[in-house]
Amino acid sequence: MIRARVSEIVGEFAILEFGGIAKVVSCTELPDSVREGDIVLFKNRKTVFLQPKVELHTS
């Protein structure tokens, strides 16, 4: 299983970073709700989980 962070979305493509490697993938391979900073898990080249970026708000 590969854990990757979505570092940037440019048009119909997303740049994923994992283990010091950057890979460009089509946004069609990712869930519709994906945003920059989210974490995605892949198994057998298919997205199996999306962990949204957590934004901390301080009072």
N, C-alpha and C. Protein backbone atom coordinates (compact mmCIF):
# COMPACT_ATOMS: atom_id res chain seq x y z
N MET A 1 0.85 -1.16 0.00
CA MET A 1 0.00 0.00 0.00
C MET A 1 0.90 1.23 0.00
N ILE A 2 0.53 2.24 -0.77
CA ILE A 2 1.30 3.47 -0.88
C ILE A 2 0.49 4.63 -0.30
N ARG A 3 1.13 5.43 0.53
CA ARG A 3 0.51 6.61 1.13
C ARG A 3 1.14 7.82 0.46
N ALA A 4 0.30 8.68 -0.15
CA ALA A 4 0.81 9.84 -0.87
C ALA A 4 0.04 11.09 -0.48
N ARG A 5 0.75 12.23 -0.53
CA ARG A 5 0.12 13.52 -0.24
C ARG A 5 -0.11 14.24 -1.56
N VAL A 6 -1.30 14.83 -1.72
CA VAL A 6 -1.61 15.62 -2.90
C VAL A 6 -0.98 16.99 -2.69
N SER A 7 0.12 17.26 -3.39
CA SER A 7 0.83 18.51 -3.15
C SER A 7 0.27 19.65 -4.00
N GLU A 8 -0.27 19.32 -5.18
CA GLU A 8 -0.79 20.38 -6.05
C GLU A 8 -1.76 19.78 -7.05
N ILE A 9 -2.80 20.56 -7.39
CA ILE A 9 -3.73 20.17 -8.44
C ILE A 9 -3.64 21.22 -9.52
N VAL A 10 -3.34 20.77 -10.74
CA VAL A 10 -3.18 21.68 -11.88
C VAL A 10 -4.10 21.18 -12.98
N GLY A 11 -5.18 21.90 -13.22
CA GLY A 11 -6.14 21.47 -14.24
C GLY A 11 -6.70 20.11 -13.93
N GLU A 12 -6.52 19.17 -14.84
CA GLU A 12 -7.03 17.81 -14.69
C GLU A 12 -6.01 16.85 -14.10
N PHE A 13 -4.91 17.39 -13.56
CA PHE A 13 -3.85 16.53 -13.03
C PHE A 13 -3.52 16.90 -11.59
N ALA A 14 -3.03 15.92 -10.83
CA ALA A 14 -2.62 16.13 -9.46
C ALA A 14 -1.18 15.64 -9.30
N ILE A 15 -0.42 16.35 -8.50
CA ILE A 15 0.95 15.94 -8.19
C ILE A 15 0.94 15.29 -6.82
N LEU A 16 1.33 14.02 -6.79
CA LEU A 16 1.38 13.26 -5.54
C LEU A 16 2.82 13.11 -5.11
N GLU A 17 3.07 13.23 -3.80
CA GLU A 17 4.41 13.05 -3.25
C GLU A 17 4.40 11.89 -2.27
N PHE A 18 5.36 10.98 -2.44
CA PHE A 18 5.49 9.86 -1.52
C PHE A 18 6.93 9.38 -1.53
N GLY A 19 7.50 9.23 -0.36
CA GLY A 19 8.86 8.72 -0.23
C GLY A 19 9.90 9.50 -1.01
N GLY A 20 9.76 10.82 -1.08
CA GLY A 20 10.71 11.65 -1.80
C GLY A 20 10.52 11.65 -3.31
N ILE A 21 9.45 11.02 -3.77
CA ILE A 21 9.16 10.94 -5.20
C ILE A 21 7.89 11.73 -5.50
N ALA A 22 7.88 12.43 -6.62
CA ALA A 22 6.68 13.13 -7.07
C ALA A 22 6.17 12.43 -8.32
N LYS A 23 4.85 12.25 -8.39
CA LYS A 23 4.24 11.59 -9.53
C LYS A 23 3.01 12.38 -9.96
N VAL A 24 2.85 12.56 -11.26
CA VAL A 24 1.68 13.24 -11.81
C VAL A 24 0.66 12.19 -12.20
N VAL A 25 -0.57 12.35 -11.70
CA VAL A 25 -1.65 11.43 -12.04
C VAL A 25 -2.87 12.22 -12.50
N SER A 26 -3.71 11.58 -13.26
CA SER A 26 -4.96 12.20 -13.69
C SER A 26 -5.91 12.30 -12.51
N CYS A 27 -6.64 13.39 -12.42
CA CYS A 27 -7.61 13.56 -11.33
C CYS A 27 -8.73 12.52 -11.41
N THR A 28 -8.90 11.89 -12.57
CA THR A 28 -9.92 10.85 -12.70
C THR A 28 -9.56 9.62 -11.87
N GLU A 29 -8.29 9.48 -11.49
CA GLU A 29 -7.85 8.36 -10.66
C GLU A 29 -8.08 8.63 -9.18
N LEU A 30 -8.50 9.85 -8.84
CA LEU A 30 -8.68 10.25 -7.44
C LEU A 30 -10.15 10.52 -7.16
N PRO A 31 -10.54 10.48 -5.89
CA PRO A 31 -11.93 10.82 -5.54
C PRO A 31 -12.25 12.26 -5.94
N ASP A 32 -13.52 12.52 -6.25
CA ASP A 32 -13.95 13.86 -6.68
C ASP A 32 -13.68 14.93 -5.63
N SER A 33 -13.68 14.54 -4.36
CA SER A 33 -13.56 15.52 -3.28
C SER A 33 -12.12 15.84 -2.90
N VAL A 34 -11.13 15.32 -3.63
CA VAL A 34 -9.72 15.51 -3.26
C VAL A 34 -9.31 16.98 -3.38
N ARG A 35 -8.48 17.42 -2.41
CA ARG A 35 -7.95 18.79 -2.40
C ARG A 35 -6.46 18.73 -2.11
N GLU A 36 -5.79 19.83 -2.35
CA GLU A 36 -4.36 19.90 -2.05
C GLU A 36 -4.15 19.69 -0.55
N GLY A 37 -3.15 18.91 -0.20
CA GLY A 37 -2.84 18.61 1.19
C GLY A 37 -3.47 17.33 1.70
N ASP A 38 -4.43 16.77 0.97
CA ASP A 38 -5.06 15.52 1.38
C ASP A 38 -4.07 14.36 1.25
N ILE A 39 -4.33 13.31 2.01
CA ILE A 39 -3.54 12.08 1.95
C ILE A 39 -4.40 11.01 1.28
N VAL A 40 -3.83 10.32 0.30
CA VAL A 40 -4.55 9.22 -0.34
C VAL A 40 -3.73 7.94 -0.18
N LEU A 41 -4.42 6.83 -0.04
CA LEU A 41 -3.78 5.53 0.05
C LEU A 41 -4.13 4.74 -1.21
N PHE A 42 -3.13 4.12 -1.80
CA PHE A 42 -3.33 3.33 -3.00
C PHE A 42 -2.99 1.87 -2.72
N LYS A 43 -3.77 0.98 -3.31
CA LYS A 43 -3.48 -0.45 -3.26
C LYS A 43 -3.77 -1.00 -4.65
N ASN A 44 -2.78 -1.64 -5.25
CA ASN A 44 -2.92 -2.17 -6.61
C ASN A 44 -3.34 -1.08 -7.60
N ARG A 45 -2.72 0.09 -7.45
CA ARG A 45 -2.95 1.24 -8.34
C ARG A 45 -4.38 1.80 -8.28
N LYS A 46 -5.12 1.51 -7.24
CA LYS A 46 -6.46 2.04 -7.06
C LYS A 46 -6.51 2.79 -5.73
N THR A 47 -7.22 3.92 -5.73
CA THR A 47 -7.39 4.68 -4.49
C THR A 47 -8.29 3.89 -3.56
N VAL A 48 -7.82 3.67 -2.34
CA VAL A 48 -8.63 2.91 -1.38
C VAL A 48 -9.09 3.77 -0.20
N PHE A 49 -8.46 4.94 -0.01
CA PHE A 49 -8.83 5.76 1.14
C PHE A 49 -8.38 7.20 0.90
N LEU A 50 -9.19 8.12 1.36
CA LEU A 50 -8.84 9.55 1.28
C LEU A 50 -8.94 10.12 2.68
N GLN A 51 -7.83 10.72 3.15
CA GLN A 51 -7.81 11.38 4.46
C GLN A 51 -7.72 12.88 4.20
N PRO A 52 -8.83 13.61 4.42
CA PRO A 52 -8.80 15.05 4.17
C PRO A 52 -7.78 15.76 5.03
N LYS A 53 -7.26 16.84 4.49
CA LYS A 53 -6.32 17.69 5.22
C LYS A 53 -7.06 18.28 6.42
N VAL A 54 -6.43 18.21 7.58
CA VAL A 54 -7.04 18.75 8.80
C VAL A 54 -6.51 20.16 8.99
N GLU A 55 -7.44 21.10 9.10
CA GLU A 55 -7.04 22.48 9.33
C GLU A 55 -7.34 22.83 10.78
N LEU A 56 -6.31 23.30 11.46
CA LEU A 56 -6.46 23.67 12.86
C LEU A 56 -6.82 25.14 12.98
N HIS A 57 -7.83 25.41 13.75
CA HIS A 57 -8.26 26.79 14.00
C HIS A 57 -7.98 27.11 15.46
N THR A 58 -7.30 28.21 15.71
CA THR A 58 -7.05 28.62 17.09
C THR A 58 -7.95 29.77 17.43
N SER A 59 -8.38 29.81 18.67
CA SER A 59 -9.30 30.87 19.11
C SER A 59 -8.55 32.11 19.53
